[in-house]
Amino acid sequence: MAFFTQAVNVLKILVMAVGAGLGAWGVINLMEGYGNDNPGANAHVR
C-alpha cells in the first residue's frame, strides 16, 4: 500500500509542476500581447 501512496504523491507533484509551467507560459503570452502598443511599430509604409 505504501507504493501506491508514494505513486500518488509523485503524480501530485508532476501535475503541480505541469500546471505551474502552463501558468507561467500563459503569463508570458499575455505580457507579449501587450508589447504591440508601440505606434511606431504600426506604421505601414507604402
Protein backbone atom coordinates (compact mmCIF):
# COMPACT_ATOMS: atom_id res chain seq x y z
CA MET A 1 0.00 0.00 0.00
CA ALA A 2 2.95 2.31 0.60
CA PHE A 3 3.88 2.02 -3.07
CA PHE A 4 0.51 3.40 -4.13
CA THR A 5 0.76 6.24 -1.63
CA GLN A 6 4.18 7.18 -2.98
CA ALA A 7 2.95 6.91 -6.57
CA VAL A 8 0.03 9.23 -5.82
CA ASN A 9 2.38 11.75 -4.22
CA VAL A 10 4.68 11.67 -7.26
CA LEU A 11 1.70 12.19 -9.57
CA LYS A 12 0.56 15.15 -7.46
CA ILE A 13 4.00 16.74 -7.80
CA LEU A 14 4.03 16.14 -11.56
CA VAL A 15 0.57 17.64 -12.00
CA MET A 16 1.52 20.70 -9.96
CA ALA A 17 4.74 21.15 -11.96
CA VAL A 18 2.88 20.93 -15.28
CA GLY A 19 0.26 23.37 -14.01
CA ALA A 20 2.90 25.83 -12.88
CA GLY A 21 4.65 25.60 -16.24
CA LEU A 22 1.44 26.21 -18.16
CA GLY A 23 0.59 29.13 -15.88
CA ALA A 24 3.98 30.74 -16.44
CA TRP A 25 3.64 30.21 -20.19
CA GLY A 26 0.21 31.88 -20.12
CA VAL A 27 1.53 34.88 -18.21
CA ILE A 28 4.40 35.27 -20.68
CA ASN A 29 1.97 35.11 -23.61
CA LEU A 30 -0.23 37.78 -22.00
CA MET A 31 2.76 40.07 -21.48
CA GLU A 32 3.87 39.59 -25.08
CA GLY A 33 0.41 40.61 -26.25
CA TYR A 34 0.76 44.00 -24.54
CA GLY A 35 4.03 44.70 -26.36
CA ASN A 36 2.25 45.65 -29.60
CA ASP A 37 1.10 49.09 -28.44
CA ASN A 38 4.06 50.94 -29.96
CA PRO A 39 2.66 53.42 -32.53
CA GLY A 40 5.97 53.42 -34.45
CA ALA A 41 5.74 49.69 -34.97
CA ASN A 42 2.29 50.07 -36.53
CA ALA A 43 3.39 52.46 -39.28
CA HIS A 44 2.54 50.81 -42.59
CA VAL A 45 4.74 52.50 -45.18
CA ARG A 46 3.80 52.18 -48.84
